[in-house]
Full PDB file with SEQRES, HELIX, SHEET, SSBOND, CRYST1, ORIGX, SCALE, CONECT and MASTER records, all heavy atoms in Angstrom:
SEQRES   1 A   36  ILE VAL GLY VAL GLU PRO GLY LEU LYS PRO ALA ALA ALA          
SEQRES   2 A   36  ALA SER HIS ASN GLY LYS ILE GLY VAL LEU ALA THR GLU          
SEQRES   3 A   36  ARG THR LEU ARG GLY GLU LYS LEU LEU ALA                      
HELIX    1 AA1 LEU A    8  ALA A   14  1                                   7    
HELIX    2 AA2 GLU A   26  ARG A   30  1                                   5    
HELIX    3 AA3 GLU A   32  LEU A   35  1                                   4    
CRYST1    1.000    1.000    1.000  90.00  90.00  90.00 P 1           1          
ORIGX1      1.000000  0.000000  0.000000        0.00000                         
ORIGX2      0.000000  1.000000  0.000000        0.00000                         
ORIGX3      0.000000  0.000000  1.000000        0.00000                         
SCALE1      1.000000  0.000000  0.000000        0.00000                         
SCALE2      0.000000  1.000000  0.000000        0.00000                         
SCALE3      0.000000  0.000000  1.000000        0.00000                         
ATOM      1  N   ILE A   1      13.273  -9.606 -12.512  1.00  0.00           N  
ATOM      2  CA  ILE A   1      12.017  -8.885 -12.685  1.00  0.00           C  
ATOM      3  C   ILE A   1      11.735  -8.088 -11.422  1.00  0.00           C  
ATOM      4  O   ILE A   1      11.755  -8.625 -10.317  1.00  0.00           O  
ATOM      5  CB  ILE A   1      10.847  -9.853 -12.970  1.00  0.00           C  
ATOM      6  CG1 ILE A   1      11.089 -10.634 -14.264  1.00  0.00           C  
ATOM      7  CG2 ILE A   1       9.529  -9.083 -13.060  1.00  0.00           C  
ATOM      8  CD1 ILE A   1      10.013 -11.671 -14.583  1.00  0.00           C  
ATOM      9  N   VAL A   2      11.488  -6.801 -11.605  1.00  0.00           N  
ATOM     10  CA  VAL A   2      11.157  -5.914 -10.491  1.00  0.00           C  
ATOM     11  C   VAL A   2       9.748  -5.379 -10.705  1.00  0.00           C  
ATOM     12  O   VAL A   2       9.437  -4.872 -11.776  1.00  0.00           O  
ATOM     13  CB  VAL A   2      12.143  -4.736 -10.384  1.00  0.00           C  
ATOM     14  CG1 VAL A   2      11.792  -3.846  -9.194  1.00  0.00           C  
ATOM     15  CG2 VAL A   2      13.581  -5.238 -10.271  1.00  0.00           C  
ATOM     16  N   GLY A   3       8.914  -5.528  -9.686  1.00  0.00           N  
ATOM     17  CA  GLY A   3       7.578  -4.965  -9.749  1.00  0.00           C  
ATOM     18  C   GLY A   3       7.470  -3.768  -8.833  1.00  0.00           C  
ATOM     19  O   GLY A   3       8.395  -3.429  -8.091  1.00  0.00           O  
ATOM     20  N   VAL A   4       6.341  -3.094  -8.909  1.00  0.00           N  
ATOM     21  CA  VAL A   4       6.061  -2.006  -7.982  1.00  0.00           C  
ATOM     22  C   VAL A   4       4.814  -2.375  -7.198  1.00  0.00           C  
ATOM     23  O   VAL A   4       3.924  -3.035  -7.710  1.00  0.00           O  
ATOM     24  CB  VAL A   4       5.862  -0.654  -8.707  1.00  0.00           C  
ATOM     25  CG1 VAL A   4       7.116  -0.247  -9.424  1.00  0.00           C  
ATOM     26  CG2 VAL A   4       4.700  -0.696  -9.667  1.00  0.00           C  
ATOM     27  N   GLU A   5       4.790  -1.966  -5.953  1.00  0.00           N  
ATOM     28  CA  GLU A   5       3.592  -2.170  -5.147  1.00  0.00           C  
ATOM     29  C   GLU A   5       3.437  -0.957  -4.239  1.00  0.00           C  
ATOM     30  O   GLU A   5       4.423  -0.268  -3.943  1.00  0.00           O  
ATOM     31  CB  GLU A   5       3.682  -3.448  -4.312  1.00  0.00           C  
ATOM     32  CG  GLU A   5       4.809  -3.459  -3.308  1.00  0.00           C  
ATOM     33  CD  GLU A   5       4.924  -4.774  -2.548  1.00  0.00           C  
ATOM     34  OE1 GLU A   5       4.412  -5.798  -3.027  1.00  0.00           O  
ATOM     35  OE2 GLU A   5       5.537  -4.760  -1.469  1.00  0.00           O  
ATOM     36  N   PRO A   6       2.225  -0.659  -3.839  1.00  0.00           N  
ATOM     37  CA  PRO A   6       2.032   0.501  -2.959  1.00  0.00           C  
ATOM     38  C   PRO A   6       2.917   0.405  -1.727  1.00  0.00           C  
ATOM     39  O   PRO A   6       3.066  -0.661  -1.121  1.00  0.00           O  
ATOM     40  CB  PRO A   6       0.549   0.408  -2.598  1.00  0.00           C  
ATOM     41  CG  PRO A   6      -0.071  -0.275  -3.777  1.00  0.00           C  
ATOM     42  CD  PRO A   6       0.953  -1.285  -4.221  1.00  0.00           C  
ATOM     43  N   GLY A   7       3.520   1.534  -1.348  1.00  0.00           N  
ATOM     44  CA  GLY A   7       4.537   1.558  -0.290  1.00  0.00           C  
ATOM     45  C   GLY A   7       3.947   1.520   1.114  1.00  0.00           C  
ATOM     46  O   GLY A   7       4.120   2.471   1.888  1.00  0.00           O  
ATOM     47  N   LEU A   8       3.295   0.427   1.452  1.00  0.00           N  
ATOM     48  CA  LEU A   8       2.667   0.331   2.770  1.00  0.00           C  
ATOM     49  C   LEU A   8       3.704   0.279   3.890  1.00  0.00           C  
ATOM     50  O   LEU A   8       3.503   0.893   4.950  1.00  0.00           O  
ATOM     51  CB  LEU A   8       1.752  -0.899   2.848  1.00  0.00           C  
ATOM     52  CG  LEU A   8       0.642  -1.024   1.804  1.00  0.00           C  
ATOM     53  CD1 LEU A   8      -0.365  -2.086   2.239  1.00  0.00           C  
ATOM     54  CD2 LEU A   8      -0.053   0.294   1.547  1.00  0.00           C  
ATOM     55  N   LYS A   9       4.793  -0.429   3.663  1.00  0.00           N  
ATOM     56  CA  LYS A   9       5.825  -0.524   4.716  1.00  0.00           C  
ATOM     57  C   LYS A   9       6.472   0.831   4.987  1.00  0.00           C  
ATOM     58  O   LYS A   9       6.548   1.259   6.149  1.00  0.00           O  
ATOM     59  CB  LYS A   9       6.873  -1.576   4.336  1.00  0.00           C  
ATOM     60  CG  LYS A   9       6.339  -3.002   4.347  1.00  0.00           C  
ATOM     61  CD  LYS A   9       7.403  -3.994   3.901  1.00  0.00           C  
ATOM     62  CE  LYS A   9       6.838  -5.399   3.817  1.00  0.00           C  
ATOM     63  NZ  LYS A   9       7.850  -6.365   3.308  1.00  0.00           N  
ATOM     64  N   PRO A  10       6.972   1.537   3.954  1.00  0.00           N  
ATOM     65  CA  PRO A  10       7.534   2.866   4.237  1.00  0.00           C  
ATOM     66  C   PRO A  10       6.494   3.842   4.777  1.00  0.00           C  
ATOM     67  O   PRO A  10       6.820   4.734   5.559  1.00  0.00           O  
ATOM     68  CB  PRO A  10       8.099   3.328   2.887  1.00  0.00           C  
ATOM     69  CG  PRO A  10       7.509   2.424   1.868  1.00  0.00           C  
ATOM     70  CD  PRO A  10       7.199   1.145   2.548  1.00  0.00           C  
ATOM     71  N   ALA A  11       5.226   3.662   4.400  1.00  0.00           N  
ATOM     72  CA  ALA A  11       4.173   4.537   4.919  1.00  0.00           C  
ATOM     73  C   ALA A  11       3.995   4.319   6.418  1.00  0.00           C  
ATOM     74  O   ALA A  11       3.859   5.279   7.186  1.00  0.00           O  
ATOM     75  CB  ALA A  11       2.863   4.281   4.186  1.00  0.00           C  
ATOM     76  N   ALA A  12       4.002   3.065   6.832  1.00  0.00           N  
ATOM     77  CA  ALA A  12       3.866   2.771   8.259  1.00  0.00           C  
ATOM     78  C   ALA A  12       5.038   3.349   9.041  1.00  0.00           C  
ATOM     79  O   ALA A  12       4.872   3.841  10.160  1.00  0.00           O  
ATOM     80  CB  ALA A  12       3.771   1.259   8.475  1.00  0.00           C  
ATOM     81  N   ALA A  13       6.225   3.313   8.441  1.00  0.00           N  
ATOM     82  CA  ALA A  13       7.406   3.867   9.116  1.00  0.00           C  
ATOM     83  C   ALA A  13       7.336   5.392   9.183  1.00  0.00           C  
ATOM     84  O   ALA A  13       7.817   5.998  10.151  1.00  0.00           O  
ATOM     85  CB  ALA A  13       8.668   3.431   8.382  1.00  0.00           C  
ATOM     86  N   ALA A  14       6.721   6.010   8.181  1.00  0.00           N  
ATOM     87  CA  ALA A  14       6.675   7.469   8.134  1.00  0.00           C  
ATOM     88  C   ALA A  14       5.551   8.051   8.987  1.00  0.00           C  
ATOM     89  O   ALA A  14       5.639   9.197   9.447  1.00  0.00           O  
ATOM     90  CB  ALA A  14       6.496   7.940   6.684  1.00  0.00           C  
ATOM     91  N   SER A  15       4.500   7.272   9.211  1.00  0.00           N  
ATOM     92  CA  SER A  15       3.320   7.790   9.898  1.00  0.00           C  
ATOM     93  C   SER A  15       3.571   7.974  11.389  1.00  0.00           C  
ATOM     94  O   SER A  15       4.211   7.146  12.032  1.00  0.00           O  
ATOM     95  CB  SER A  15       2.140   6.837   9.694  1.00  0.00           C  
ATOM     96  OG  SER A  15       1.007   7.282  10.412  1.00  0.00           O  
ATOM     97  N   HIS A  16       3.040   9.065  11.923  1.00  0.00           N  
ATOM     98  CA  HIS A  16       3.148   9.322  13.362  1.00  0.00           C  
ATOM     99  C   HIS A  16       1.935   8.804  14.126  1.00  0.00           C  
ATOM    100  O   HIS A  16       2.052   8.400  15.281  1.00  0.00           O  
ATOM    101  CB  HIS A  16       3.308  10.830  13.616  1.00  0.00           C  
ATOM    102  CG  HIS A  16       4.569  11.401  13.067  1.00  0.00           C  
ATOM    103  ND1 HIS A  16       5.821  11.062  13.545  1.00  0.00           N  
ATOM    104  CD2 HIS A  16       4.779  12.279  12.051  1.00  0.00           C  
ATOM    105  CE1 HIS A  16       6.750  11.708  12.852  1.00  0.00           C  
ATOM    106  NE2 HIS A  16       6.147  12.454  11.946  1.00  0.00           N  
ATOM    107  N   ASN A  17       0.771   8.808  13.477  1.00  0.00           N  
ATOM    108  CA  ASN A  17      -0.434   8.375  14.189  1.00  0.00           C  
ATOM    109  C   ASN A  17      -0.984   7.032  13.711  1.00  0.00           C  
ATOM    110  O   ASN A  17      -2.007   6.558  14.205  1.00  0.00           O  
ATOM    111  CB  ASN A  17      -1.523   9.452  14.110  1.00  0.00           C  
ATOM    112  CG  ASN A  17      -2.054   9.646  12.685  1.00  0.00           C  
ATOM    113  OD1 ASN A  17      -1.731   8.902  11.771  1.00  0.00           O  
ATOM    114  ND2 ASN A  17      -2.884  10.672  12.507  1.00  0.00           N  
ATOM    115  N   GLY A  18      -0.308   6.422  12.720  1.00  0.00           N  
ATOM    116  CA  GLY A  18      -0.721   5.100  12.263  1.00  0.00           C  
ATOM    117  C   GLY A  18      -1.951   5.084  11.377  1.00  0.00           C  
ATOM    118  O   GLY A  18      -2.480   4.015  11.072  1.00  0.00           O  
ATOM    119  N   LYS A  19      -2.382   6.251  10.901  1.00  0.00           N  
ATOM    120  CA  LYS A  19      -3.527   6.324   9.993  1.00  0.00           C  
ATOM    121  C   LYS A  19      -3.028   6.708   8.603  1.00  0.00           C  
ATOM    122  O   LYS A  19      -2.495   7.797   8.406  1.00  0.00           O  
ATOM    123  CB  LYS A  19      -4.543   7.352  10.486  1.00  0.00           C  
ATOM    124  CG  LYS A  19      -5.211   6.982  11.805  1.00  0.00           C  
ATOM    125  CD  LYS A  19      -6.228   8.036  12.224  1.00  0.00           C  
ATOM    126  CE  LYS A  19      -6.894   7.661  13.544  1.00  0.00           C  
ATOM    127  NZ  LYS A  19      -7.878   8.692  13.969  1.00  0.00           N  
ATOM    128  N   ILE A  20      -3.222   5.787   7.665  1.00  0.00           N  
ATOM    129  CA  ILE A  20      -2.604   5.933   6.343  1.00  0.00           C  
ATOM    130  C   ILE A  20      -3.652   5.755   5.260  1.00  0.00           C  
ATOM    131  O   ILE A  20      -4.424   4.785   5.281  1.00  0.00           O  
ATOM    132  CB  ILE A  20      -1.482   4.883   6.166  1.00  0.00           C  
ATOM    133  CG1 ILE A  20      -0.396   5.101   7.231  1.00  0.00           C  
ATOM    134  CG2 ILE A  20      -0.902   4.930   4.764  1.00  0.00           C  
ATOM    135  CD1 ILE A  20       0.483   3.908   7.457  1.00  0.00           C  
ATOM    136  N   GLY A  21      -3.693   6.681   4.322  1.00  0.00           N  
ATOM    137  CA  GLY A  21      -4.570   6.561   3.165  1.00  0.00           C  
ATOM    138  C   GLY A  21      -3.804   5.986   1.988  1.00  0.00           C  
ATOM    139  O   GLY A  21      -2.650   6.337   1.750  1.00  0.00           O  
ATOM    140  N   VAL A  22      -4.447   5.083   1.267  1.00  0.00           N  
ATOM    141  CA  VAL A  22      -3.817   4.451   0.101  1.00  0.00           C  
ATOM    142  C   VAL A  22      -4.630   4.819  -1.138  1.00  0.00           C  
ATOM    143  O   VAL A  22      -5.785   4.393  -1.294  1.00  0.00           O  
ATOM    144  CB  VAL A  22      -3.747   2.920   0.246  1.00  0.00           C  
ATOM    145  CG1 VAL A  22      -3.031   2.299  -0.956  1.00  0.00           C  
ATOM    146  CG2 VAL A  22      -3.042   2.534   1.549  1.00  0.00           C  
ATOM    147  N   LEU A  23      -4.041   5.612  -2.024  1.00  0.00           N  
ATOM    148  CA  LEU A  23      -4.662   6.009  -3.279  1.00  0.00           C  
ATOM    149  C   LEU A  23      -4.207   5.051  -4.372  1.00  0.00           C  
ATOM    150  O   LEU A  23      -3.010   4.894  -4.605  1.00  0.00           O  
ATOM    151  CB  LEU A  23      -4.263   7.440  -3.652  1.00  0.00           C  
ATOM    152  CG  LEU A  23      -4.498   8.520  -2.596  1.00  0.00           C  
ATOM    153  CD1 LEU A  23      -3.876   9.842  -3.046  1.00  0.00           C  
ATOM    154  CD2 LEU A  23      -5.985   8.695  -2.333  1.00  0.00           C  
ATOM    155  N   ALA A  24      -5.145   4.393  -5.046  1.00  0.00           N  
ATOM    156  CA  ALA A  24      -4.762   3.416  -6.067  1.00  0.00           C  
ATOM    157  C   ALA A  24      -5.960   3.139  -6.967  1.00  0.00           C  
ATOM    158  O   ALA A  24      -7.059   3.664  -6.750  1.00  0.00           O  
ATOM    159  CB  ALA A  24      -4.259   2.121  -5.416  1.00  0.00           C  
ATOM    160  N   THR A  25      -5.751   2.298  -7.973  1.00  0.00           N  
ATOM    161  CA  THR A  25      -6.845   1.884  -8.849  1.00  0.00           C  
ATOM    162  C   THR A  25      -7.689   0.825  -8.145  1.00  0.00           C  
ATOM    163  O   THR A  25      -7.242   0.172  -7.199  1.00  0.00           O  
ATOM    164  CB  THR A  25      -6.325   1.297 -10.169  1.00  0.00           C  
ATOM    165  OG1 THR A  25      -5.628   0.074  -9.900  1.00  0.00           O  
ATOM    166  CG2 THR A  25      -5.380   2.275 -10.871  1.00  0.00           C  
ATOM    167  N   GLU A  26      -8.890   0.642  -8.652  1.00  0.00           N  
ATOM    168  CA  GLU A  26      -9.775  -0.380  -8.077  1.00  0.00           C  
ATOM    169  C   GLU A  26      -9.127  -1.758  -8.138  1.00  0.00           C  
ATOM    170  O   GLU A  26      -9.185  -2.527  -7.177  1.00  0.00           O  
ATOM    171  CB  GLU A  26     -11.106  -0.399  -8.831  1.00  0.00           C  
ATOM    172  CG  GLU A  26     -12.072   0.707  -8.457  1.00  0.00           C  
ATOM    173  CD  GLU A  26     -13.435   0.469  -9.068  1.00  0.00           C  
ATOM    174  OE1 GLU A  26     -13.543   0.593 -10.301  1.00  0.00           O  
ATOM    175  OE2 GLU A  26     -14.375   0.169  -8.315  1.00  0.00           O  
ATOM    176  N   ARG A  27      -8.525  -2.079  -9.278  1.00  0.00           N  
ATOM    177  CA  ARG A  27      -7.933  -3.410  -9.451  1.00  0.00           C  
ATOM    178  C   ARG A  27      -6.805  -3.642  -8.458  1.00  0.00           C  
ATOM    179  O   ARG A  27      -6.697  -4.711  -7.859  1.00  0.00           O  
ATOM    180  CB  ARG A  27      -7.436  -3.565 -10.899  1.00  0.00           C  
ATOM    181  CG  ARG A  27      -6.541  -4.764 -11.192  1.00  0.00           C  
ATOM    182  CD  ARG A  27      -7.140  -6.079 -10.796  1.00  0.00           C  
ATOM    183  NE  ARG A  27      -8.441  -6.329 -11.394  1.00  0.00           N  
ATOM    184  CZ  ARG A  27      -9.282  -7.258 -10.977  1.00  0.00           C  
ATOM    185  NH1 ARG A  27      -8.957  -7.997  -9.930  1.00  0.00           N  
ATOM    186  NH2 ARG A  27     -10.430  -7.452 -11.577  1.00  0.00           N  
ATOM    187  N   THR A  28      -5.959  -2.652  -8.256  1.00  0.00           N  
ATOM    188  CA  THR A  28      -4.874  -2.785  -7.280  1.00  0.00           C  
ATOM    189  C   THR A  28      -5.430  -3.030  -5.892  1.00  0.00           C  
ATOM    190  O   THR A  28      -4.959  -3.915  -5.157  1.00  0.00           O  
ATOM    191  CB  THR A  28      -3.994  -1.518  -7.278  1.00  0.00           C  
ATOM    192  OG1 THR A  28      -3.281  -1.440  -8.512  1.00  0.00           O  
ATOM    193  CG2 THR A  28      -2.984  -1.551  -6.135  1.00  0.00           C  
ATOM    194  N   LEU A  29      -6.444  -2.281  -5.508  1.00  0.00           N  
ATOM    195  CA  LEU A  29      -6.966  -2.370  -4.147  1.00  0.00           C  
ATOM    196  C   LEU A  29      -7.745  -3.656  -3.903  1.00  0.00           C  
ATOM    197  O   LEU A  29      -7.917  -4.063  -2.751  1.00  0.00           O  
ATOM    198  CB  LEU A  29      -7.850  -1.155  -3.841  1.00  0.00           C  
ATOM    199  CG  LEU A  29      -7.124   0.194  -3.840  1.00  0.00           C  
ATOM    200  CD1 LEU A  29      -8.087   1.326  -3.531  1.00  0.00           C  
ATOM    201  CD2 LEU A  29      -5.970   0.193  -2.832  1.00  0.00           C  
ATOM    202  N   ARG A  30      -8.195  -4.301  -4.978  1.00  0.00           N  
ATOM    203  CA  ARG A  30      -8.903  -5.580  -4.822  1.00  0.00           C  
ATOM    204  C   ARG A  30      -7.961  -6.770  -4.863  1.00  0.00           C  
ATOM    205  O   ARG A  30      -8.360  -7.892  -4.556  1.00  0.00           O  
ATOM    206  CB  ARG A  30      -9.947  -5.748  -5.938  1.00  0.00           C  
ATOM    207  CG  ARG A  30     -11.152  -4.848  -5.816  1.00  0.00           C  
ATOM    208  CD  ARG A  30     -12.325  -5.424  -6.606  1.00  0.00           C  
ATOM    209  NE  ARG A  30     -11.975  -5.702  -7.995  1.00  0.00           N  
ATOM    210  CZ  ARG A  30     -12.196  -4.862  -9.007  1.00  0.00           C  
ATOM    211  NH1 ARG A  30     -12.734  -3.673  -8.767  1.00  0.00           N  
ATOM    212  NH2 ARG A  30     -11.863  -5.203 -10.233  1.00  0.00           N  
ATOM    213  N   GLY A  31      -6.704  -6.535  -5.255  1.00  0.00           N  
ATOM    214  CA  GLY A  31      -5.772  -7.646  -5.458  1.00  0.00           C  
ATOM    215  C   GLY A  31      -5.401  -8.352  -4.159  1.00  0.00           C  
ATOM    216  O   GLY A  31      -5.190  -7.723  -3.123  1.00  0.00           O  
ATOM    217  N   GLU A  32      -5.301  -9.663  -4.224  1.00  0.00           N  
ATOM    218  CA  GLU A  32      -4.948 -10.456  -3.039  1.00  0.00           C  
ATOM    219  C   GLU A  32      -3.585 -10.054  -2.485  1.00  0.00           C  
ATOM    220  O   GLU A  32      -3.377 -10.037  -1.266  1.00  0.00           O  
ATOM    221  CB  GLU A  32      -4.950 -11.957  -3.381  1.00  0.00           C  
ATOM    222  CG  GLU A  32      -6.336 -12.526  -3.640  1.00  0.00           C  
ATOM    223  CD  GLU A  32      -6.292 -14.018  -3.917  1.00  0.00           C  
ATOM    224  OE1 GLU A  32      -5.230 -14.633  -3.682  1.00  0.00           O  
ATOM    225  OE2 GLU A  32      -7.308 -14.564  -4.390  1.00  0.00           O  
ATOM    226  N   LYS A  33      -2.660  -9.731  -3.366  1.00  0.00           N  
ATOM    227  CA  LYS A  33      -1.307  -9.368  -2.942  1.00  0.00           C  
ATOM    228  C   LYS A  33      -1.329  -8.107  -2.077  1.00  0.00           C  
ATOM    229  O   LYS A  33      -0.687  -8.049  -1.028  1.00  0.00           O  
ATOM    230  CB  LYS A  33      -0.429  -9.161  -4.185  1.00  0.00           C  
ATOM    231  CG  LYS A  33       1.048  -8.893  -3.909  1.00  0.00           C  
ATOM    232  CD  LYS A  33       1.782  -8.773  -5.232  1.00  0.00           C  
ATOM    233  CE  LYS A  33       3.194  -8.266  -5.081  1.00  0.00           C  
ATOM    234  NZ  LYS A  33       4.088  -9.215  -4.438  1.00  0.00           N  
ATOM    235  N   LEU A  34      -2.108  -7.107  -2.496  1.00  0.00           N  
ATOM    236  CA  LEU A  34      -2.212  -5.865  -1.730  1.00  0.00           C  
ATOM    237  C   LEU A  34      -2.915  -6.102  -0.399  1.00  0.00           C  
ATOM    238  O   LEU A  34      -2.468  -5.617   0.653  1.00  0.00           O  
ATOM    239  CB  LEU A  34      -2.947  -4.809  -2.554  1.00  0.00           C  
ATOM    240  CG  LEU A  34      -3.121  -3.374  -2.037  1.00  0.00           C  
ATOM    241  CD1 LEU A  34      -4.284  -3.240  -1.047  1.00  0.00           C  
ATOM    242  CD2 LEU A  34      -1.837  -2.843  -1.424  1.00  0.00           C  
ATOM    243  N   LEU A  35      -3.980  -6.862  -0.425  1.00  0.00           N  
ATOM    244  CA  LEU A  35      -4.735  -7.109   0.811  1.00  0.00           C  
ATOM    245  C   LEU A  35      -3.891  -7.917   1.806  1.00  0.00           C  
ATOM    246  O   LEU A  35      -3.943  -7.680   3.012  1.00  0.00           O  
ATOM    247  CB  LEU A  35      -6.040  -7.825   0.485  1.00  0.00           C  
ATOM    248  CG  LEU A  35      -7.023  -7.008  -0.371  1.00  0.00           C  
ATOM    249  CD1 LEU A  35      -8.248  -7.846  -0.731  1.00  0.00           C  
ATOM    250  CD2 LEU A  35      -7.442  -5.734   0.345  1.00  0.00           C  
ATOM    251  N   ALA A  36      -3.108  -8.863   1.292  1.00  0.00           N  
ATOM    252  CA  ALA A  36      -2.223  -9.631   2.168  1.00  0.00           C  
ATOM    253  C   ALA A  36      -1.132  -8.741   2.745  1.00  0.00           C  
ATOM    254  O   ALA A  36      -0.773  -8.863   3.932  1.00  0.00           O  
ATOM    255  CB  ALA A  36      -1.605 -10.802   1.395  1.00  0.00           C  
TER     256      ALA A  36                                                      
MASTER        0    0    0    3    0    0    0    6  255    1    0    3          
END                                                                             
């Protein structure tokens, strides 16, 4: 089983100034998995 999750790790690697916006649904952004 393969899931998808917002690409926070690749975003951190790509960012030059460390400021990253995450566009997602309310449910995704409230999820414990995303917050962890």
